[in-house]
């Protein structure tokens, strides 16, 4: 069976892949969303930096416990055997970002305001599309390509070492 060199091949690589994507995503998406809500200033950015570790934990947990399993069940219903790598990556990104953005629109508001309230539900239809759009394009154009590039370079390095040995 052909293995795609732009994707993780084992659990260790999967963790590295997840770390790369989640760290890039949390460090770009959250500051942009909060900046749009509260204004772009040094004070707002510093406040955002304080929240990032908490948000990163939520992102990783949601990816592993909710989005990953859900998308894993839905993907086979939409992809065919002749669908190429790019089509699969695009659909996977779309589905993951949809699931994560729904949850993180709510959880992010709670973390940002430091209180659990109905606020994110009241404003959901106004806030979620913007959050989804920001997250989708950052995932598609920044986080995913960087993570796939790292995987490709890692696999090329492993192949060179195997040839030498």
N, C-alpha and C. Protein backbone atom coordinates (compact mmCIF):
# COMPACT_ATOMS: atom_id res chain seq x y z
N UNK A 1 0.84 -1.19 0.00
CA UNK A 1 0.00 0.00 0.00
C UNK A 1 0.88 1.24 0.00
N UNK A 2 0.56 2.21 -0.85
CA UNK A 2 1.34 3.44 -0.96
C UNK A 2 1.11 4.32 0.25
N UNK A 3 2.21 4.84 0.80
CA UNK A 3 2.11 5.76 1.92
C UNK A 3 2.47 7.16 1.43
N UNK A 4 1.65 8.11 1.77
CA UNK A 4 1.86 9.50 1.38
C UNK A 4 2.95 10.10 2.25
N UNK A 5 4.03 10.59 1.61
CA UNK A 5 5.16 11.11 2.39
C UNK A 5 4.91 12.48 3.00
N UNK A 6 3.78 13.10 2.65
CA UNK A 6 3.44 14.39 3.24
C UNK A 6 2.58 14.26 4.50
N UNK A 7 2.29 13.02 4.88
CA UNK A 7 1.47 12.77 6.07
C UNK A 7 2.23 11.87 7.05
N UNK A 8 1.86 11.91 8.32
CA UNK A 8 2.54 11.07 9.32
C UNK A 8 2.36 9.58 9.00
N UNK A 9 3.40 8.80 9.29
CA UNK A 9 3.39 7.37 9.01
C UNK A 9 3.23 6.52 10.27
N UNK A 10 3.39 7.14 11.44
CA UNK A 10 3.29 6.40 12.69
C UNK A 10 2.82 7.37 13.79
N UNK A 11 2.64 6.83 14.99
CA UNK A 11 2.10 7.63 16.09
C UNK A 11 3.02 8.79 16.47
N UNK A 12 4.32 8.54 16.47
CA UNK A 12 5.29 9.59 16.83
C UNK A 12 5.21 10.75 15.83
N UNK A 13 5.16 10.42 14.56
CA UNK A 13 5.02 11.46 13.53
C UNK A 13 3.65 12.14 13.62
N UNK A 14 2.64 11.37 13.99
CA UNK A 14 1.31 11.94 14.17
C UNK A 14 1.28 13.00 15.26
N UNK A 15 2.01 12.74 16.33
CA UNK A 15 2.10 13.72 17.41
C UNK A 15 2.82 14.97 16.93
N UNK A 16 3.92 14.79 16.21
CA UNK A 16 4.66 15.94 15.66
C UNK A 16 3.77 16.75 14.72
N UNK A 17 3.05 16.06 13.85
CA UNK A 17 2.15 16.71 12.90
C UNK A 17 1.09 17.52 13.64
N UNK A 18 0.46 16.91 14.64
CA UNK A 18 -0.56 17.59 15.45
C UNK A 18 0.04 18.79 16.18
N UNK A 19 1.22 18.64 16.74
CA UNK A 19 1.87 19.75 17.45
C UNK A 19 2.12 20.93 16.52
N UNK A 20 2.65 20.65 15.35
CA UNK A 20 2.95 21.72 14.39
C UNK A 20 1.67 22.48 14.02
N UNK A 21 0.66 21.74 13.62
CA UNK A 21 -0.59 22.37 13.19
C UNK A 21 -1.25 23.13 14.34
N UNK A 22 -1.32 22.50 15.51
CA UNK A 22 -2.03 23.14 16.63
C UNK A 22 -1.30 24.37 17.14
N UNK A 23 0.02 24.31 17.19
CA UNK A 23 0.77 25.47 17.68
C UNK A 23 0.65 26.64 16.70
N UNK A 24 0.78 26.36 15.41
CA UNK A 24 0.62 27.42 14.41
C UNK A 24 -0.81 27.99 14.47
N UNK A 25 -1.79 27.10 14.52
CA UNK A 25 -3.19 27.53 14.51
C UNK A 25 -3.53 28.39 15.71
N UNK A 26 -3.19 27.91 16.89
CA UNK A 26 -3.52 28.66 18.11
C UNK A 26 -2.81 30.00 18.14
N UNK A 27 -1.58 30.05 17.66
CA UNK A 27 -0.81 31.29 17.72
C UNK A 27 -1.17 32.28 16.62
N UNK A 28 -1.97 31.87 15.66
CA UNK A 28 -2.40 32.81 14.62
C UNK A 28 -3.90 33.09 14.67
N UNK A 29 -4.69 32.01 14.76
CA UNK A 29 -6.15 32.18 14.72
C UNK A 29 -6.66 32.96 15.93
N UNK A 30 -6.26 32.56 17.13
CA UNK A 30 -6.75 33.23 18.35
C UNK A 30 -6.40 34.72 18.36
N UNK A 31 -5.14 35.11 18.10
CA UNK A 31 -4.85 36.55 18.10
C UNK A 31 -5.63 37.34 17.05
N UNK A 32 -5.86 36.76 15.89
CA UNK A 32 -6.63 37.47 14.86
C UNK A 32 -8.08 37.65 15.30
N UNK A 33 -8.69 36.58 15.80
CA UNK A 33 -10.09 36.66 16.23
C UNK A 33 -10.25 37.64 17.39
N UNK A 34 -9.38 37.54 18.38
CA UNK A 34 -9.47 38.45 19.53
C UNK A 34 -9.16 39.88 19.11
N UNK A 35 -8.20 40.06 18.21
CA UNK A 35 -7.91 41.39 17.70
C UNK A 35 -9.10 42.01 16.98
N UNK A 36 -9.81 41.20 16.22
CA UNK A 36 -11.00 41.70 15.54
C UNK A 36 -12.11 42.06 16.52
N UNK A 37 -12.19 41.34 17.63
CA UNK A 37 -13.23 41.61 18.61
C UNK A 37 -12.89 42.79 19.52
N UNK A 38 -11.63 42.88 19.94
CA UNK A 38 -11.25 43.87 20.94
C UNK A 38 -10.34 44.97 20.40
N UNK A 39 -9.92 44.83 19.19
CA UNK A 39 -8.99 45.79 18.61
C UNK A 39 -7.57 45.24 18.64
N UNK A 40 -6.78 45.64 17.68
CA UNK A 40 -5.40 45.18 17.60
C UNK A 40 -4.51 46.15 18.36
N UNK A 41 -4.05 45.72 19.51
CA UNK A 41 -3.15 46.54 20.32
C UNK A 41 -2.19 45.63 21.05
N UNK A 42 -1.14 46.21 21.56
CA UNK A 42 -0.15 45.44 22.32
C UNK A 42 -0.78 44.82 23.57
N UNK A 43 -1.64 45.56 24.24
CA UNK A 43 -2.29 45.07 25.45
C UNK A 43 -3.18 43.87 25.16
N UNK A 44 -3.94 43.96 24.09
CA UNK A 44 -4.83 42.86 23.71
C UNK A 44 -4.00 41.64 23.32
N UNK A 45 -2.90 41.86 22.61
CA UNK A 45 -2.05 40.74 22.19
C UNK A 45 -1.42 40.06 23.40
N UNK A 46 -0.95 40.83 24.37
CA UNK A 46 -0.36 40.25 25.58
C UNK A 46 -1.42 39.45 26.34
N UNK A 47 -2.62 39.99 26.43
CA UNK A 47 -3.72 39.28 27.08
C UNK A 47 -4.02 37.97 26.34
N UNK A 48 -3.94 38.01 25.02
CA UNK A 48 -4.16 36.81 24.22
C UNK A 48 -3.08 35.78 24.47
N UNK A 49 -1.84 36.22 24.57
CA UNK A 49 -0.73 35.29 24.83
C UNK A 49 -0.92 34.52 26.13
N UNK A 50 -1.51 35.16 27.12
CA UNK A 50 -1.75 34.51 28.41
C UNK A 50 -2.77 33.38 28.26
N UNK A 51 -3.75 33.56 27.37
CA UNK A 51 -4.80 32.56 27.17
C UNK A 51 -4.38 31.42 26.24
N UNK A 52 -3.34 31.62 25.44
CA UNK A 52 -2.99 30.64 24.42
C UNK A 52 -2.71 29.24 24.95
N UNK A 53 -1.99 29.08 26.06
CA UNK A 53 -1.76 27.71 26.54
C UNK A 53 -3.06 26.97 26.88
N UNK A 54 -4.01 27.68 27.45
CA UNK A 54 -5.30 27.07 27.78
C UNK A 54 -6.03 26.68 26.49
N UNK A 55 -6.04 27.59 25.53
CA UNK A 55 -6.71 27.30 24.26
C UNK A 55 -6.02 26.15 23.53
N UNK A 56 -4.70 26.07 23.62
CA UNK A 56 -3.97 25.00 22.95
C UNK A 56 -4.40 23.64 23.51
N UNK A 57 -4.56 23.55 24.83
CA UNK A 57 -5.01 22.30 25.45
C UNK A 57 -6.40 21.93 24.92
N UNK A 58 -7.31 22.91 24.87
CA UNK A 58 -8.65 22.64 24.34
C UNK A 58 -8.59 22.19 22.88
N UNK A 59 -7.76 22.83 22.08
CA UNK A 59 -7.64 22.47 20.67
C UNK A 59 -7.17 21.03 20.53
N UNK A 60 -6.11 20.67 21.23
CA UNK A 60 -5.57 19.31 21.12
C UNK A 60 -6.60 18.28 21.59
N UNK A 61 -7.26 18.54 22.71
CA UNK A 61 -8.28 17.61 23.21
C UNK A 61 -9.44 17.47 22.23
N UNK A 62 -9.89 18.59 21.68
CA UNK A 62 -10.99 18.54 20.72
C UNK A 62 -10.60 17.80 19.44
N UNK A 63 -9.37 18.00 18.99
CA UNK A 63 -8.90 17.30 17.79
C UNK A 63 -8.88 15.79 18.04
N UNK A 64 -8.30 15.39 19.15
CA UNK A 64 -8.14 13.96 19.43
C UNK A 64 -9.44 13.28 19.84
N UNK A 65 -10.30 13.97 20.59
CA UNK A 65 -11.48 13.32 21.16
C UNK A 65 -12.78 13.56 20.39
N UNK A 66 -12.85 14.65 19.64
CA UNK A 66 -14.11 14.99 18.96
C UNK A 66 -13.92 15.05 17.44
N UNK A 67 -13.15 16.01 16.97
CA UNK A 67 -13.04 16.23 15.52
C UNK A 67 -12.43 15.04 14.80
N UNK A 68 -11.34 14.51 15.31
CA UNK A 68 -10.68 13.37 14.66
C UNK A 68 -11.61 12.19 14.47
N UNK A 69 -12.22 11.70 15.55
CA UNK A 69 -13.13 10.56 15.39
C UNK A 69 -14.34 10.87 14.50
N UNK A 70 -14.91 12.05 14.65
CA UNK A 70 -16.09 12.42 13.87
C UNK A 70 -15.74 12.52 12.38
N UNK A 71 -14.67 13.22 12.07
CA UNK A 71 -14.25 13.38 10.68
C UNK A 71 -13.84 12.03 10.10
N UNK A 72 -13.20 11.19 10.92
CA UNK A 72 -12.82 9.86 10.47
C UNK A 72 -14.00 9.01 10.04
N UNK A 73 -15.15 9.21 10.69
CA UNK A 73 -16.37 8.47 10.32
C UNK A 73 -17.06 9.07 9.10
N UNK A 74 -16.96 10.38 8.95
CA UNK A 74 -17.67 11.07 7.87
C UNK A 74 -16.89 11.02 6.54
N UNK A 75 -15.57 11.12 6.61
CA UNK A 75 -14.74 11.18 5.40
C UNK A 75 -15.03 10.06 4.40
N UNK A 76 -15.10 8.80 4.83
CA UNK A 76 -15.33 7.72 3.85
C UNK A 76 -16.65 7.85 3.09
N UNK A 77 -17.60 8.56 3.66
CA UNK A 77 -18.90 8.74 2.99
C UNK A 77 -18.79 9.72 1.81
N UNK A 78 -17.75 10.55 1.82
CA UNK A 78 -17.63 11.60 0.81
C UNK A 78 -16.49 11.39 -0.18
N UNK A 79 -15.47 10.62 0.17
CA UNK A 79 -14.33 10.46 -0.73
C UNK A 79 -14.44 9.14 -1.48
N UNK A 80 -13.99 9.20 -2.70
CA UNK A 80 -13.97 8.00 -3.54
C UNK A 80 -12.55 7.52 -3.72
N UNK A 81 -12.41 6.32 -4.24
CA UNK A 81 -11.08 5.74 -4.42
C UNK A 81 -10.25 6.52 -5.43
N UNK A 82 -10.89 7.22 -6.33
CA UNK A 82 -10.15 7.96 -7.35
C UNK A 82 -9.84 9.39 -6.92
N UNK A 83 -10.34 9.81 -5.76
CA UNK A 83 -10.06 11.17 -5.29
C UNK A 83 -8.58 11.30 -4.94
N UNK A 84 -7.99 12.39 -5.37
CA UNK A 84 -6.57 12.60 -5.15
C UNK A 84 -6.25 13.15 -3.77
N UNK A 85 -4.97 13.27 -3.53
CA UNK A 85 -4.47 13.74 -2.24
C UNK A 85 -5.02 15.13 -1.90
N UNK A 86 -4.95 16.05 -2.84
CA UNK A 86 -5.39 17.42 -2.57
C UNK A 86 -6.89 17.50 -2.25
N UNK A 87 -7.69 16.72 -2.95
CA UNK A 87 -9.13 16.69 -2.67
C UNK A 87 -9.40 16.16 -1.27
N UNK A 88 -8.68 15.11 -0.88
CA UNK A 88 -8.85 14.53 0.45
C UNK A 88 -8.40 15.51 1.53
N UNK A 89 -7.28 16.18 1.31
CA UNK A 89 -6.78 17.15 2.29
C UNK A 89 -7.75 18.31 2.43
N UNK A 90 -8.26 18.79 1.32
CA UNK A 90 -9.23 19.90 1.36
C UNK A 90 -10.49 19.52 2.13
N UNK A 91 -11.04 18.35 1.84
CA UNK A 91 -12.24 17.91 2.55
C UNK A 91 -11.96 17.68 4.03
N UNK A 92 -10.83 17.05 4.32
CA UNK A 92 -10.45 16.80 5.71
C UNK A 92 -10.31 18.11 6.47
N UNK A 93 -9.66 19.09 5.86
CA UNK A 93 -9.48 20.39 6.49
C UNK A 93 -10.82 21.07 6.70
N UNK A 94 -11.66 21.04 5.68
CA UNK A 94 -12.99 21.65 5.77
C UNK A 94 -13.80 21.04 6.92
N UNK A 95 -13.82 19.73 7.02
CA UNK A 95 -14.59 19.06 8.06
C UNK A 95 -14.01 19.32 9.44
N UNK A 96 -12.69 19.21 9.57
CA UNK A 96 -12.06 19.45 10.87
C UNK A 96 -12.27 20.88 11.35
N UNK A 97 -12.07 21.83 10.46
CA UNK A 97 -12.23 23.23 10.84
C UNK A 97 -13.69 23.52 11.19
N UNK A 98 -14.61 22.90 10.48
CA UNK A 98 -16.03 23.11 10.80
C UNK A 98 -16.32 22.64 12.23
N UNK A 99 -15.93 21.43 12.55
CA UNK A 99 -16.19 20.88 13.89
C UNK A 99 -15.48 21.72 14.95
N UNK A 100 -14.19 21.97 14.75
CA UNK A 100 -13.42 22.70 15.75
C UNK A 100 -13.92 24.13 15.92
N UNK A 101 -14.26 24.79 14.82
CA UNK A 101 -14.70 26.18 14.94
C UNK A 101 -16.03 26.30 15.67
N UNK A 102 -16.90 25.33 15.52
CA UNK A 102 -18.16 25.35 16.25
C UNK A 102 -17.87 25.30 17.75
N UNK A 103 -17.09 24.31 18.18
CA UNK A 103 -16.78 24.16 19.60
C UNK A 103 -15.94 25.32 20.14
N UNK A 104 -14.95 25.73 19.37
CA UNK A 104 -14.03 26.76 19.87
C UNK A 104 -14.64 28.16 19.85
N UNK A 105 -15.66 28.38 19.03
CA UNK A 105 -16.38 29.66 19.10
C UNK A 105 -17.02 29.80 20.48
N UNK A 106 -17.52 28.71 21.00
CA UNK A 106 -18.15 28.72 22.32
C UNK A 106 -17.09 28.70 23.43
N UNK A 107 -16.20 27.73 23.38
CA UNK A 107 -15.18 27.58 24.42
C UNK A 107 -14.23 28.78 24.46
N UNK A 108 -13.86 29.27 23.29
CA UNK A 108 -12.96 30.43 23.22
C UNK A 108 -13.56 31.66 23.89
N UNK A 109 -14.85 31.86 23.72
CA UNK A 109 -15.52 32.98 24.39
C UNK A 109 -15.46 32.79 25.90
N UNK A 110 -15.72 31.58 26.35
CA UNK A 110 -15.68 31.31 27.79
C UNK A 110 -14.27 31.53 28.36
N UNK A 111 -13.26 31.05 27.65
CA UNK A 111 -11.88 31.24 28.13
C UNK A 111 -11.51 32.72 28.09
N UNK A 112 -11.88 33.39 27.01
CA UNK A 112 -11.54 34.81 26.87
C UNK A 112 -12.20 35.71 27.89
N UNK A 113 -13.46 35.40 28.23
CA UNK A 113 -14.17 36.23 29.21
C UNK A 113 -14.01 35.70 30.63
N UNK A 114 -13.38 34.54 30.75
CA UNK A 114 -13.16 33.88 32.06
C UNK A 114 -14.45 33.58 32.78
N UNK A 115 -15.50 33.28 32.01
CA UNK A 115 -16.76 32.88 32.62
C UNK A 115 -17.57 32.06 31.62
N UNK A 116 -18.30 31.09 32.16
CA UNK A 116 -19.21 30.30 31.34
C UNK A 116 -20.54 31.03 31.32
N UNK A 117 -20.99 31.37 30.12
CA UNK A 117 -22.24 32.11 29.98
C UNK A 117 -22.94 31.69 28.70
N UNK A 118 -24.09 32.26 28.47
CA UNK A 118 -24.83 32.01 27.24
C UNK A 118 -24.40 32.93 26.10
N UNK A 119 -23.50 33.85 26.38
CA UNK A 119 -23.04 34.84 25.40
C UNK A 119 -22.64 34.23 24.06
N UNK A 120 -21.79 33.16 24.05
CA UNK A 120 -21.40 32.64 22.73
C UNK A 120 -22.57 32.03 21.96
N UNK A 121 -23.59 31.57 22.65
CA UNK A 121 -24.76 31.02 21.96
C UNK A 121 -25.62 32.14 21.38
N UNK A 122 -25.72 33.23 22.10
CA UNK A 122 -26.52 34.37 21.63
C UNK A 122 -25.92 34.97 20.36
N UNK A 123 -24.61 35.04 20.30
CA UNK A 123 -23.92 35.66 19.16
C UNK A 123 -23.36 34.65 18.17
N UNK A 124 -23.70 33.38 18.32
CA UNK A 124 -23.08 32.33 17.52
C UNK A 124 -23.19 32.56 16.02
N UNK A 125 -24.38 32.84 15.55
CA UNK A 125 -24.58 33.00 14.10
C UNK A 125 -23.85 34.22 13.54
N UNK A 126 -23.53 35.16 14.38
CA UNK A 126 -22.77 36.34 13.96
C UNK A 126 -21.26 36.06 14.01
N UNK A 127 -20.83 35.33 15.02
CA UNK A 127 -19.40 35.13 15.26
C UNK A 127 -18.83 33.92 14.53
N UNK A 128 -19.57 32.81 14.51
CA UNK A 128 -19.01 31.58 13.97
C UNK A 128 -18.55 31.67 12.51
N UNK A 129 -19.32 32.25 11.58
CA UNK A 129 -18.83 32.29 10.19
C UNK A 129 -17.49 33.01 10.05
N UNK A 130 -17.31 34.09 10.80
CA UNK A 130 -16.03 34.80 10.76
C UNK A 130 -14.91 33.91 11.31
N UNK A 131 -15.16 33.28 12.45
CA UNK A 131 -14.16 32.41 13.05
C UNK A 131 -13.82 31.24 12.13
N UNK A 132 -14.85 30.66 11.52
CA UNK A 132 -14.62 29.56 10.58
C UNK A 132 -13.74 30.02 9.42
N UNK A 133 -14.08 31.17 8.83
CA UNK A 133 -13.31 31.67 7.69
C UNK A 133 -11.85 31.91 8.03
N UNK A 134 -11.60 32.52 9.16
CA UNK A 134 -10.22 32.78 9.59
C UNK A 134 -9.49 31.45 9.78
N UNK A 135 -10.11 30.54 10.52
CA UNK A 135 -9.47 29.26 10.81
C UNK A 135 -9.25 28.44 9.54
N UNK A 136 -10.23 28.41 8.66
CA UNK A 136 -10.12 27.61 7.44
C UNK A 136 -8.94 28.07 6.58
N UNK A 137 -8.83 29.37 6.36
CA UNK A 137 -7.76 29.86 5.49
C UNK A 137 -6.39 29.74 6.12
N UNK A 138 -6.29 29.90 7.43
CA UNK A 138 -5.00 29.72 8.09
C UNK A 138 -4.59 28.25 8.04
N UNK A 139 -5.55 27.37 8.28
CA UNK A 139 -5.25 25.93 8.19
C UNK A 139 -4.83 25.56 6.77
N UNK A 140 -5.60 26.01 5.81
CA UNK A 140 -5.38 25.62 4.42
C UNK A 140 -4.10 26.21 3.82
N UNK A 141 -3.80 27.46 4.16
CA UNK A 141 -2.67 28.15 3.52
C UNK A 141 -1.41 28.22 4.36
N UNK A 142 -1.51 28.00 5.67
CA UNK A 142 -0.33 28.15 6.53
C UNK A 142 -0.03 26.87 7.31
N UNK A 143 -0.90 26.50 8.24
CA UNK A 143 -0.60 25.41 9.17
C UNK A 143 -0.42 24.06 8.48
N UNK A 144 -1.39 23.67 7.67
CA UNK A 144 -1.31 22.36 7.00
C UNK A 144 -0.11 22.27 6.04
N UNK A 145 0.11 23.27 5.18
CA UNK A 145 1.28 23.16 4.29
C UNK A 145 2.61 23.06 5.04
N UNK A 146 2.75 23.80 6.13
CA UNK A 146 4.00 23.73 6.90
C UNK A 146 4.16 22.34 7.50
N UNK A 147 3.10 21.80 8.09
CA UNK A 147 3.17 20.47 8.70
C UNK A 147 3.46 19.40 7.64
N UNK A 148 2.84 19.50 6.48
CA UNK A 148 3.10 18.52 5.41
C UNK A 148 4.53 18.65 4.88
N UNK A 149 5.04 19.88 4.80
CA UNK A 149 6.42 20.10 4.37
C UNK A 149 7.40 19.44 5.36
N UNK A 150 7.14 19.62 6.65
CA UNK A 150 7.99 19.00 7.67
C UNK A 150 7.95 17.48 7.53
N UNK A 151 6.77 16.91 7.33
CA UNK A 151 6.65 15.46 7.17
C UNK A 151 7.42 14.99 5.94
N UNK A 152 7.29 15.72 4.84
CA UNK A 152 7.99 15.33 3.61
C UNK A 152 9.51 15.35 3.81
N UNK A 153 10.01 16.41 4.46
CA UNK A 153 11.44 16.50 4.72
C UNK A 153 11.91 15.40 5.68
N UNK A 154 11.10 15.10 6.68
CA UNK A 154 11.42 14.04 7.63
C UNK A 154 11.51 12.70 6.91
N UNK A 155 10.56 12.43 6.04
CA UNK A 155 10.56 11.15 5.31
C UNK A 155 11.70 11.08 4.30
N UNK A 156 12.05 12.21 3.69
CA UNK A 156 13.20 12.22 2.78
C UNK A 156 14.49 11.93 3.55
N UNK A 157 14.60 12.52 4.72
CA UNK A 157 15.77 12.28 5.58
C UNK A 157 15.85 10.81 5.99
N UNK A 158 14.72 10.25 6.36
CA UNK A 158 14.69 8.83 6.75
C UNK A 158 15.07 7.93 5.57
N UNK A 159 14.62 8.28 4.37
CA UNK A 159 14.93 7.50 3.17
C UNK A 159 16.43 7.55 2.85
N UNK A 160 17.03 8.75 3.01
CA UNK A 160 18.47 8.88 2.78
C UNK A 160 19.26 8.04 3.77
N UNK A 161 18.85 8.06 5.02
CA UNK A 161 19.52 7.27 6.06
C UNK A 161 19.39 5.78 5.77
N UNK A 162 18.23 5.36 5.27
CA UNK A 162 18.01 3.95 4.94
C UNK A 162 18.87 3.53 3.76
N UNK A 163 19.08 4.43 2.80
CA UNK A 163 19.92 4.12 1.63
C UNK A 163 21.38 3.96 2.06
N UNK A 164 21.81 4.79 2.99
CA UNK A 164 23.19 4.74 3.47
C UNK A 164 23.44 3.46 4.25
N UNK A 165 22.46 3.05 5.04
CA UNK A 165 22.63 1.87 5.92
C UNK A 165 22.58 0.57 5.18
